[in-house]
Amino acid sequence: MKQFEYKVESIQIQLKDGNDFNTAMTEKLNSLGKEGWELTGVNGIVFYFKREIC
């Protein structure tokens, strides 16, 4: 049976020097994805992730 661990993270993007919100958010989500986290839900600024435990 697969087992998962879960992560709840508030993500607030602070834009500096004309950075684009979409670019900044994409970079943050890709960073978490590289760690194996899969986005499962969003409620405002609260993001829910899961990843399989090996």
N, C-alpha and C. Protein backbone atom coordinates (compact mmCIF):
# COMPACT_ATOMS: atom_id res chain seq x y z
N MET A 1 0.84 -1.18 0.00
CA MET A 1 0.00 0.00 0.00
C MET A 1 0.89 1.25 0.00
N LYS A 2 0.56 2.20 -0.86
CA LYS A 2 1.31 3.44 -0.91
C LYS A 2 1.06 4.25 0.35
N GLN A 3 2.11 4.93 0.80
CA GLN A 3 1.99 5.85 1.93
C GLN A 3 2.46 7.23 1.48
N PHE A 4 1.84 8.24 2.05
CA PHE A 4 2.16 9.61 1.67
C PHE A 4 2.46 10.44 2.90
N GLU A 5 3.24 11.50 2.69
CA GLU A 5 3.39 12.53 3.70
C GLU A 5 2.80 13.80 3.09
N TYR A 6 2.39 14.69 3.96
CA TYR A 6 1.67 15.88 3.52
C TYR A 6 2.36 17.14 4.03
N LYS A 7 2.15 18.22 3.28
CA LYS A 7 2.76 19.50 3.63
C LYS A 7 1.73 20.59 3.37
N VAL A 8 1.55 21.48 4.33
CA VAL A 8 0.69 22.64 4.17
C VAL A 8 1.59 23.85 4.25
N GLU A 9 1.52 24.71 3.22
CA GLU A 9 2.41 25.85 3.18
C GLU A 9 1.66 27.09 2.72
N SER A 10 1.85 28.19 3.47
CA SER A 10 1.33 29.48 3.04
C SER A 10 2.37 30.09 2.11
N ILE A 11 1.95 30.41 0.90
CA ILE A 11 2.88 30.98 -0.08
C ILE A 11 2.43 32.40 -0.38
N GLN A 12 3.29 33.34 -0.04
CA GLN A 12 3.07 34.74 -0.37
C GLN A 12 4.27 35.20 -1.18
N ILE A 13 4.01 35.69 -2.36
CA ILE A 13 5.08 36.10 -3.26
C ILE A 13 5.26 37.62 -3.13
N GLN A 14 6.48 38.02 -2.80
CA GLN A 14 6.81 39.44 -2.74
C GLN A 14 7.56 39.80 -4.02
N LEU A 15 6.98 40.67 -4.80
CA LEU A 15 7.58 41.04 -6.07
C LEU A 15 8.55 42.20 -5.88
N LYS A 16 9.73 42.06 -6.48
CA LYS A 16 10.76 43.10 -6.41
C LYS A 16 11.27 43.38 -7.81
N ASP A 17 11.63 44.61 -8.05
CA ASP A 17 12.28 44.99 -9.30
C ASP A 17 11.49 44.56 -10.53
N GLY A 18 10.17 44.68 -10.47
CA GLY A 18 9.33 44.38 -11.63
C GLY A 18 9.18 42.91 -11.96
N ASN A 19 9.47 42.01 -11.01
CA ASN A 19 9.28 40.58 -11.25
C ASN A 19 7.81 40.29 -11.50
N ASP A 20 7.54 39.37 -12.38
CA ASP A 20 6.20 38.96 -12.74
C ASP A 20 5.69 37.94 -11.72
N PHE A 21 4.46 38.12 -11.22
CA PHE A 21 3.88 37.20 -10.25
C PHE A 21 3.86 35.77 -10.76
N ASN A 22 3.42 35.58 -12.00
CA ASN A 22 3.32 34.22 -12.55
C ASN A 22 4.68 33.55 -12.61
N THR A 23 5.71 34.29 -12.98
CA THR A 23 7.05 33.73 -13.04
C THR A 23 7.53 33.35 -11.64
N ALA A 24 7.32 34.22 -10.67
CA ALA A 24 7.75 33.95 -9.29
C ALA A 24 7.02 32.75 -8.71
N MET A 25 5.72 32.65 -8.94
CA MET A 25 4.94 31.53 -8.42
C MET A 25 5.35 30.23 -9.10
N THR A 26 5.57 30.28 -10.40
CA THR A 26 6.01 29.10 -11.14
C THR A 26 7.34 28.59 -10.60
N GLU A 27 8.27 29.49 -10.33
CA GLU A 27 9.57 29.11 -9.78
C GLU A 27 9.41 28.44 -8.41
N LYS A 28 8.54 28.99 -7.56
CA LYS A 28 8.31 28.42 -6.23
C LYS A 28 7.71 27.02 -6.34
N LEU A 29 6.68 26.86 -7.17
CA LEU A 29 6.02 25.57 -7.32
C LEU A 29 6.95 24.54 -7.97
N ASN A 30 7.75 24.96 -8.94
CA ASN A 30 8.71 24.05 -9.56
C ASN A 30 9.76 23.59 -8.56
N SER A 31 10.16 24.49 -7.67
CA SER A 31 11.13 24.15 -6.63
C SER A 31 10.58 23.04 -5.73
N LEU A 32 9.34 23.18 -5.31
CA LEU A 32 8.70 22.15 -4.48
C LEU A 32 8.50 20.86 -5.27
N GLY A 33 8.18 20.96 -6.54
CA GLY A 33 8.02 19.78 -7.38
C GLY A 33 9.31 18.99 -7.51
N LYS A 34 10.44 19.68 -7.59
CA LYS A 34 11.73 19.01 -7.67
C LYS A 34 12.06 18.23 -6.40
N GLU A 35 11.44 18.63 -5.29
CA GLU A 35 11.61 17.92 -4.02
C GLU A 35 10.62 16.75 -3.91
N GLY A 36 9.80 16.57 -4.93
CA GLY A 36 8.85 15.46 -4.95
C GLY A 36 7.45 15.82 -4.48
N TRP A 37 7.20 17.09 -4.14
CA TRP A 37 5.88 17.49 -3.67
C TRP A 37 4.93 17.69 -4.84
N GLU A 38 3.73 17.16 -4.70
CA GLU A 38 2.67 17.31 -5.70
C GLU A 38 1.57 18.18 -5.12
N LEU A 39 1.21 19.24 -5.84
CA LEU A 39 0.16 20.14 -5.39
C LEU A 39 -1.18 19.41 -5.47
N THR A 40 -1.91 19.41 -4.34
CA THR A 40 -3.20 18.71 -4.31
C THR A 40 -4.38 19.64 -4.09
N GLY A 41 -4.12 20.86 -3.61
CA GLY A 41 -5.22 21.79 -3.39
C GLY A 41 -4.73 23.16 -3.00
N VAL A 42 -5.60 24.15 -3.17
CA VAL A 42 -5.28 25.54 -2.83
C VAL A 42 -6.52 26.15 -2.19
N ASN A 43 -6.29 26.91 -1.11
CA ASN A 43 -7.35 27.68 -0.46
C ASN A 43 -6.77 29.04 -0.15
N GLY A 44 -6.97 30.00 -1.05
CA GLY A 44 -6.38 31.32 -0.86
C GLY A 44 -4.87 31.26 -1.02
N ILE A 45 -4.13 31.58 0.06
CA ILE A 45 -2.67 31.52 0.01
C ILE A 45 -2.14 30.24 0.63
N VAL A 46 -3.04 29.34 1.03
CA VAL A 46 -2.63 28.07 1.63
C VAL A 46 -2.62 26.99 0.55
N PHE A 47 -1.46 26.35 0.39
CA PHE A 47 -1.27 25.34 -0.63
C PHE A 47 -1.04 23.99 0.05
N TYR A 48 -1.68 22.94 -0.47
CA TYR A 48 -1.58 21.61 0.10
C TYR A 48 -0.81 20.70 -0.86
N PHE A 49 0.18 20.00 -0.32
CA PHE A 49 1.03 19.14 -1.13
C PHE A 49 1.08 17.75 -0.51
N LYS A 50 1.42 16.76 -1.35
CA LYS A 50 1.68 15.41 -0.85
C LYS A 50 2.82 14.83 -1.67
N ARG A 51 3.52 13.85 -1.06
CA ARG A 51 4.51 13.07 -1.79
C ARG A 51 4.57 11.68 -1.19
N GLU A 52 4.87 10.74 -2.07
CA GLU A 52 4.91 9.35 -1.66
C GLU A 52 6.14 9.09 -0.78
N ILE A 53 5.94 8.30 0.28
CA ILE A 53 7.03 7.89 1.14
C ILE A 53 7.59 6.58 0.57
N CYS A 54 8.86 6.57 0.31
CA CYS A 54 9.50 5.37 -0.26
C CYS A 54 9.93 4.40 0.81
